[in-house]
Amino acid sequence: MSVYVTKLTSSSSDSEDSADRNPLEAKKSKMGSRTDIKEPTWKLQKNKLVRIRKFKGKVFVDIRKFYERDGQMFAGLKGISISQAVWAKLLELGEDINETLNSMCI
């Protein structure tokens, strides 16, 4: 899941405007720490990564497109998280998928 933050802009410098910006800055700093890649990660392509993640106490294989902003990597919306059971089934089907793929690419 990605978090989007829009920057507030204002031509005036009221104390009310600065109070509105403080929560935004707090959210922005939290966003950076949330997206630090600490999980086991493998690179598929330039911005496509496979990660093992925990979410709500469950482990998932996350295959996702990432983008870089201000030197940090952020998860994009394009991707999939699959459970261990689905991952095991995918591996089980791997040989059949490869055979079909190879026959279609000839």
C-alpha atoms as a PDB file:
ATOM      1  CA  MET A   1       0.000   0.000   0.000  1.00  0.00           C
ATOM      2  CA  SER A   2       1.303   3.457  -0.854  1.00  0.00           C
ATOM      3  CA  VAL A   3       0.714   6.642   1.055  1.00  0.00           C
ATOM      4  CA  TYR A   4       0.336   9.869  -0.872  1.00  0.00           C
ATOM      5  CA  VAL A   5       0.985  13.220   0.752  1.00  0.00           C
ATOM      6  CA  THR A   6       0.229  16.493  -0.959  1.00  0.00           C
ATOM      7  CA  LYS A   7       2.227  19.537  -0.006  1.00  0.00           C
ATOM      8  CA  LEU A   8       0.248  22.480   1.292  1.00  0.00           C
ATOM      9  CA  THR A   9       1.168  25.806  -0.298  1.00  0.00           C
ATOM     10  CA  SER A  10       0.120  29.206   0.855  1.00  0.00           C
ATOM     11  CA  SER A  11       1.023  32.752  -0.067  1.00  0.00           C
ATOM     12  CA  SER A  12       0.398  34.018   3.482  1.00  0.00           C
ATOM     13  CA  SER A  13       2.390  33.111   6.565  1.00  0.00           C
ATOM     14  CA  ASP A  14      -0.366  33.049   9.188  1.00  0.00           C
ATOM     15  CA  SER A  15       0.210  31.062  12.355  1.00  0.00           C
ATOM     16  CA  GLU A  16      -2.926  29.134  11.382  1.00  0.00           C
ATOM     17  CA  ASP A  17      -1.258  27.976   8.144  1.00  0.00           C
ATOM     18  CA  SER A  18       1.871  26.787   9.965  1.00  0.00           C
ATOM     19  CA  ALA A  19      -0.295  24.798  12.374  1.00  0.00           C
ATOM     20  CA  ASP A  20      -1.876  23.053   9.378  1.00  0.00           C
ATOM     21  CA  ARG A  21       1.537  22.139   8.002  1.00  0.00           C
ATOM     22  CA  ASN A  22       2.883  20.571  11.203  1.00  0.00           C
ATOM     23  CA  PRO A  23       0.760  17.390  10.983  1.00  0.00           C
ATOM     24  CA  LEU A  24       1.767  17.060   7.328  1.00  0.00           C
ATOM     25  CA  GLU A  25       5.462  17.170   8.231  1.00  0.00           C
ATOM     26  CA  ALA A  26       4.904  14.530  10.917  1.00  0.00           C
ATOM     27  CA  LYS A  27       3.101  12.308   8.403  1.00  0.00           C
ATOM     28  CA  LYS A  28       5.871  12.811   5.867  1.00  0.00           C
ATOM     29  CA  SER A  29       8.593  11.725   8.299  1.00  0.00           C
ATOM     30  CA  LYS A  30       6.563   8.657   9.305  1.00  0.00           C
ATOM     31  CA  MET A  31       6.082   7.792   5.651  1.00  0.00           C
ATOM     32  CA  GLY A  32       9.844   7.657   5.096  1.00  0.00           C
ATOM     33  CA  SER A  33      10.432   5.285   7.996  1.00  0.00           C
ATOM     34  CA  ARG A  34       7.569   3.008   6.887  1.00  0.00           C
ATOM     35  CA  THR A  35       9.087   2.448   3.476  1.00  0.00           C
ATOM     36  CA  ASP A  36      12.652   1.667   4.558  1.00  0.00           C
ATOM     37  CA  ILE A  37      13.415  -1.739   3.106  1.00  0.00           C
ATOM     38  CA  LYS A  38      14.361  -3.978   6.030  1.00  0.00           C
ATOM     39  CA  GLU A  39      12.658  -7.155   4.861  1.00  0.00           C
ATOM     40  CA  PRO A  40      14.525  -9.807   2.847  1.00  0.00           C
ATOM     41  CA  THR A  41      14.509  -8.348  -0.677  1.00  0.00           C
ATOM     42  CA  TRP A  42      15.479  -9.543  -4.160  1.00  0.00           C
ATOM     43  CA  LYS A  43      15.705  -7.415  -7.293  1.00  0.00           C
ATOM     44  CA  LEU A  44      13.791  -8.646 -10.353  1.00  0.00           C
ATOM     45  CA  GLN A  45      14.356  -5.645 -12.599  1.00  0.00           C
ATOM     46  CA  LYS A  46      15.298  -1.996 -12.207  1.00  0.00           C
ATOM     47  CA  ASN A  47      12.331  -1.017  -9.985  1.00  0.00           C
ATOM     48  CA  LYS A  48      10.672  -4.385  -9.427  1.00  0.00           C
ATOM     49  CA  LEU A  49      11.415  -6.117  -6.143  1.00  0.00           C
ATOM     50  CA  VAL A  50      10.354  -9.288  -4.351  1.00  0.00           C
ATOM     51  CA  ARG A  51      10.121  -8.975  -0.568  1.00  0.00           C
ATOM     52  CA  ILE A  52       9.079 -11.202   2.288  1.00  0.00           C
ATOM     53  CA  ARG A  53       6.833  -9.100   4.529  1.00  0.00           C
ATOM     54  CA  LYS A  54       4.819  -9.475   7.682  1.00  0.00           C
ATOM     55  CA  PHE A  55       1.399  -7.851   7.778  1.00  0.00           C
ATOM     56  CA  LYS A  56      -1.038  -8.271  10.652  1.00  0.00           C
ATOM     57  CA  GLY A  57       0.967 -11.234  11.940  1.00  0.00           C
ATOM     58  CA  LYS A  58       0.972 -13.086   8.612  1.00  0.00           C
ATOM     59  CA  VAL A  59       3.865 -13.563   6.193  1.00  0.00           C
ATOM     60  CA  PHE A  60       3.490 -12.633   2.515  1.00  0.00           C
ATOM     61  CA  VAL A  61       5.574 -12.683  -0.647  1.00  0.00           C
ATOM     62  CA  ASP A  62       5.273  -9.176  -2.074  1.00  0.00           C
ATOM     63  CA  ILE A  63       6.132  -8.596  -5.745  1.00  0.00           C
ATOM     64  CA  ARG A  64       5.882  -4.897  -6.433  1.00  0.00           C
ATOM     65  CA  LYS A  65       7.047  -1.989  -8.551  1.00  0.00           C
ATOM     66  CA  PHE A  66       8.890   0.677  -6.552  1.00  0.00           C
ATOM     67  CA  TYR A  67       9.805   4.272  -7.252  1.00  0.00           C
ATOM     68  CA  GLU A  68      12.454   6.518  -5.783  1.00  0.00           C
ATOM     69  CA  ARG A  69      11.830   9.946  -4.313  1.00  0.00           C
ATOM     70  CA  ASP A  70      14.375  12.003  -2.392  1.00  0.00           C
ATOM     71  CA  GLY A  71      16.739   9.035  -2.169  1.00  0.00           C
ATOM     72  CA  GLN A  72      14.140   6.707  -0.621  1.00  0.00           C
ATOM     73  CA  MET A  73      12.329   3.762  -2.179  1.00  0.00           C
ATOM     74  CA  PHE A  74       8.527   3.759  -2.021  1.00  0.00           C
ATOM     75  CA  ALA A  75       6.159   0.910  -2.878  1.00  0.00           C
ATOM     76  CA  GLY A  76       3.941   1.652  -5.850  1.00  0.00           C
ATOM     77  CA  LEU A  77       0.377   0.548  -6.403  1.00  0.00           C
ATOM     78  CA  LYS A  78       1.332  -1.998  -9.058  1.00  0.00           C
ATOM     79  CA  GLY A  79       2.067  -5.311  -7.430  1.00  0.00           C
ATOM     80  CA  ILE A  80       0.724  -8.300  -5.566  1.00  0.00           C
ATOM     81  CA  SER A  81       1.107  -9.779  -2.095  1.00  0.00           C
ATOM     82  CA  ILE A  82       0.502 -13.499  -1.871  1.00  0.00           C
ATOM     83  CA  SER A  83       0.243 -15.763   1.151  1.00  0.00           C
ATOM     84  CA  GLN A  84       2.604 -18.632   1.870  1.00  0.00           C
ATOM     85  CA  ALA A  85      -0.035 -21.122   0.707  1.00  0.00           C
ATOM     86  CA  VAL A  86      -0.469 -19.383  -2.647  1.00  0.00           C
ATOM     87  CA  TRP A  87       3.311 -19.074  -3.035  1.00  0.00           C
ATOM     88  CA  ALA A  88       3.704 -22.818  -2.411  1.00  0.00           C
ATOM     89  CA  LYS A  89       1.009 -23.550  -5.013  1.00  0.00           C
ATOM     90  CA  LEU A  90       2.713 -21.242  -7.519  1.00  0.00           C
ATOM     91  CA  LEU A  91       6.026 -23.061  -7.010  1.00  0.00           C
ATOM     92  CA  GLU A  92       4.227 -26.394  -7.415  1.00  0.00           C
ATOM     93  CA  LEU A  93       2.795 -25.209 -10.744  1.00  0.00           C
ATOM     94  CA  GLY A  94       6.130 -23.752 -11.875  1.00  0.00           C
ATOM     95  CA  GLU A  95       7.183 -26.646 -14.120  1.00  0.00           C
ATOM     96  CA  ASP A  96       3.812 -26.749 -15.914  1.00  0.00           C
ATOM     97  CA  ILE A  97       3.843 -22.963 -16.332  1.00  0.00           C
ATOM     98  CA  ASN A  98       7.377 -23.072 -17.782  1.00  0.00           C
ATOM     99  CA  GLU A  99       6.445 -25.811 -20.251  1.00  0.00           C
ATOM    100  CA  THR A 100       3.389 -23.884 -21.436  1.00  0.00           C
ATOM    101  CA  LEU A 101       5.352 -20.644 -21.634  1.00  0.00           C
ATOM    102  CA  ASN A 102       8.122 -22.268 -23.673  1.00  0.00           C
ATOM    103  CA  SER A 103       5.629 -23.885 -26.070  1.00  0.00           C
ATOM    104  CA  MET A 104       3.906 -20.537 -26.671  1.00  0.00           C
ATOM    105  CA  CYS A 105       7.157 -18.638 -27.251  1.00  0.00           C
ATOM    106  CA  ILE A 106       8.423 -20.870 -30.078  1.00  0.00           C
END
